[in-house]
């Protein structure tokens, strides 16, 4: 049986710029392989991802690196997109406020 990561890799072999596949693979890799996951999220954003998730993860990364302008930009992009719960939306608003301070 193939793992989710193997399935995403197979899909990306056929559709290398698929924003949903890049987002899903990034989420699957986020804890074990954070740097490659951030690469997947960046590619998903460049490919026009509709979901808020790649923007959300990249906003947190930018915030942790103290790149507040980038965090602010990514928060604004994430807030208007589908996905996530009220908790993640609240976190994005909190990051947005801190980035503006």
C-alpha atoms as a PDB file:
ATOM      1  CA  UNK A   1       0.000   0.000   0.000  1.00  0.00           C
ATOM      2  CA  UNK A   2       1.350   3.398  -0.945  1.00  0.00           C
ATOM      3  CA  UNK A   3       1.633   6.169   1.579  1.00  0.00           C
ATOM      4  CA  UNK A   4       0.031   9.550   1.029  1.00  0.00           C
ATOM      5  CA  UNK A   5       3.466  11.035   0.361  1.00  0.00           C
ATOM      6  CA  UNK A   6       4.143   8.453  -2.358  1.00  0.00           C
ATOM      7  CA  UNK A   7       0.789   9.215  -3.965  1.00  0.00           C
ATOM      8  CA  UNK A   8       1.500  12.961  -3.932  1.00  0.00           C
ATOM      9  CA  UNK A   9       4.926  12.325  -5.458  1.00  0.00           C
ATOM     10  CA  UNK A  10       3.324  10.194  -8.182  1.00  0.00           C
ATOM     11  CA  UNK A  11       0.779  12.922  -8.895  1.00  0.00           C
ATOM     12  CA  UNK A  12       3.462  15.601  -9.003  1.00  0.00           C
ATOM     13  CA  UNK A  13       5.478  13.508 -11.459  1.00  0.00           C
ATOM     14  CA  UNK A  14       2.548  13.944 -13.843  1.00  0.00           C
ATOM     15  CA  UNK A  15       1.451  17.438 -12.780  1.00  0.00           C
ATOM     16  CA  UNK A  16       4.560  19.136 -11.349  1.00  0.00           C
ATOM     17  CA  UNK A  17       2.853  22.506 -10.927  1.00  0.00           C
ATOM     18  CA  UNK A  18      -0.363  21.217  -9.365  1.00  0.00           C
ATOM     19  CA  UNK A  19      -1.027  23.647  -6.491  1.00  0.00           C
ATOM     20  CA  UNK A  20      -3.296  21.248  -4.598  1.00  0.00           C
ATOM     21  CA  UNK A  21      -0.815  18.373  -4.843  1.00  0.00           C
ATOM     22  CA  UNK A  22       2.020  20.664  -3.741  1.00  0.00           C
ATOM     23  CA  UNK A  23      -0.070  21.869  -0.806  1.00  0.00           C
ATOM     24  CA  UNK A  24      -1.021  18.340   0.265  1.00  0.00           C
ATOM     25  CA  UNK A  25       2.564  17.110  -0.015  1.00  0.00           C
ATOM     26  CA  UNK A  26       3.779  20.128   1.948  1.00  0.00           C
ATOM     27  CA  UNK A  27       1.332  19.366   4.739  1.00  0.00           C
ATOM     28  CA  UNK A  28       2.387  15.701   4.719  1.00  0.00           C
ATOM     29  CA  UNK A  29       6.050  16.730   5.009  1.00  0.00           C
ATOM     30  CA  UNK A  30       5.677  19.685   7.395  1.00  0.00           C
ATOM     31  CA  UNK A  31       6.788  18.008  10.619  1.00  0.00           C
ATOM     32  CA  UNK A  32       9.375  15.519   9.366  1.00  0.00           C
ATOM     33  CA  UNK A  33      10.844  17.617   6.540  1.00  0.00           C
ATOM     34  CA  UNK A  34      10.093  21.307   7.200  1.00  0.00           C
ATOM     35  CA  UNK A  35      12.422  22.830   4.598  1.00  0.00           C
ATOM     36  CA  UNK A  36      11.156  20.738   1.662  1.00  0.00           C
ATOM     37  CA  UNK A  37       7.601  21.382   2.894  1.00  0.00           C
ATOM     38  CA  UNK A  38       8.207  25.141   2.728  1.00  0.00           C
ATOM     39  CA  UNK A  39       9.483  24.658  -0.820  1.00  0.00           C
ATOM     40  CA  UNK A  40       6.257  22.864  -1.708  1.00  0.00           C
ATOM     41  CA  UNK A  41       4.202  25.670  -0.157  1.00  0.00           C
ATOM     42  CA  UNK A  42       6.176  28.309  -2.064  1.00  0.00           C
ATOM     43  CA  UNK A  43       5.608  26.460  -5.335  1.00  0.00           C
ATOM     44  CA  UNK A  44       1.907  26.072  -4.519  1.00  0.00           C
ATOM     45  CA  UNK A  45       1.595  29.830  -3.949  1.00  0.00           C
ATOM     46  CA  UNK A  46       3.457  30.540  -7.202  1.00  0.00           C
ATOM     47  CA  UNK A  47       1.063  28.161  -8.987  1.00  0.00           C
ATOM     48  CA  UNK A  48      -1.950  30.085  -7.638  1.00  0.00           C
ATOM     49  CA  UNK A  49      -3.138  27.830  -4.824  1.00  0.00           C
ATOM     50  CA  UNK A  50      -6.765  28.465  -3.929  1.00  0.00           C
ATOM     51  CA  UNK A  51      -6.457  27.047  -0.407  1.00  0.00           C
ATOM     52  CA  UNK A  52      -5.282  29.154   2.509  1.00  0.00           C
ATOM     53  CA  UNK A  53      -2.915  26.437   3.749  1.00  0.00           C
ATOM     54  CA  UNK A  54       0.293  27.189   1.845  1.00  0.00           C
ATOM     55  CA  UNK A  55      -0.059  30.886   2.681  1.00  0.00           C
ATOM     56  CA  UNK A  56      -0.726  30.027   6.329  1.00  0.00           C
ATOM     57  CA  UNK A  57       2.408  27.905   6.706  1.00  0.00           C
ATOM     58  CA  UNK A  58       4.563  30.408   4.833  1.00  0.00           C
ATOM     59  CA  UNK A  59       3.205  33.269   6.958  1.00  0.00           C
ATOM     60  CA  UNK A  60       4.244  31.430  10.123  1.00  0.00           C
ATOM     61  CA  UNK A  61       7.672  30.751   8.671  1.00  0.00           C
ATOM     62  CA  UNK A  62       8.149  34.397   7.679  1.00  0.00           C
ATOM     63  CA  UNK A  63       7.027  35.486  11.148  1.00  0.00           C
ATOM     64  CA  UNK A  64       9.470  33.115  12.841  1.00  0.00           C
ATOM     65  CA  UNK A  65      12.269  34.524  10.644  1.00  0.00           C
ATOM     66  CA  UNK A  66      11.151  38.041  11.681  1.00  0.00           C
ATOM     67  CA  UNK A  67      10.289  38.935   8.101  1.00  0.00           C
ATOM     68  CA  UNK A  68       7.208  40.824   9.217  1.00  0.00           C
ATOM     69  CA  UNK A  69       6.457  42.422   5.870  1.00  0.00           C
ATOM     70  CA  UNK A  70       6.343  39.017   4.175  1.00  0.00           C
ATOM     71  CA  UNK A  71       4.289  37.569   7.050  1.00  0.00           C
ATOM     72  CA  UNK A  72       1.833  40.461   6.686  1.00  0.00           C
ATOM     73  CA  UNK A  73       1.532  39.902   2.919  1.00  0.00           C
ATOM     74  CA  UNK A  74       0.972  36.167   3.298  1.00  0.00           C
ATOM     75  CA  UNK A  75      -1.595  36.672   6.075  1.00  0.00           C
ATOM     76  CA  UNK A  76      -3.598  38.985   3.838  1.00  0.00           C
ATOM     77  CA  UNK A  77      -3.490  36.433   1.038  1.00  0.00           C
ATOM     78  CA  UNK A  78      -4.502  33.577   3.336  1.00  0.00           C
ATOM     79  CA  UNK A  79      -7.403  35.322   5.075  1.00  0.00           C
ATOM     80  CA  UNK A  80      -9.588  35.540   1.976  1.00  0.00           C
ATOM     81  CA  UNK A  81      -9.100  31.941   0.902  1.00  0.00           C
ATOM     82  CA  UNK A  82     -11.060  28.792   1.739  1.00  0.00           C
ATOM     83  CA  UNK A  83      -9.822  26.231   4.229  1.00  0.00           C
ATOM     84  CA  UNK A  84      -8.984  26.169   7.879  1.00  0.00           C
ATOM     85  CA  UNK A  85     -11.185  26.806  10.859  1.00  0.00           C
ATOM     86  CA  UNK A  86     -11.962  29.858  12.930  1.00  0.00           C
ATOM     87  CA  UNK A  87      -8.894  28.993  14.997  1.00  0.00           C
ATOM     88  CA  UNK A  88      -6.512  29.323  12.038  1.00  0.00           C
ATOM     89  CA  UNK A  89      -8.285  32.468  10.883  1.00  0.00           C
ATOM     90  CA  UNK A  90      -7.847  33.964  14.360  1.00  0.00           C
ATOM     91  CA  UNK A  91      -4.167  33.021  14.303  1.00  0.00           C
ATOM     92  CA  UNK A  92      -3.741  34.762  10.960  1.00  0.00           C
ATOM     93  CA  UNK A  93      -5.394  37.907  12.313  1.00  0.00           C
ATOM     94  CA  UNK A  94      -3.144  37.776  15.362  1.00  0.00           C
ATOM     95  CA  UNK A  95      -0.037  37.397  13.170  1.00  0.00           C
ATOM     96  CA  UNK A  96      -1.270  40.252  11.022  1.00  0.00           C
ATOM     97  CA  UNK A  97      -1.605  42.512  14.058  1.00  0.00           C
ATOM     98  CA  UNK A  98       1.821  41.600  15.405  1.00  0.00           C
ATOM     99  CA  UNK A  99       3.439  42.091  11.994  1.00  0.00           C
ATOM    100  CA  UNK A 100       1.954  45.594  11.806  1.00  0.00           C
ATOM    101  CA  UNK A 101       3.129  46.570  15.305  1.00  0.00           C
END
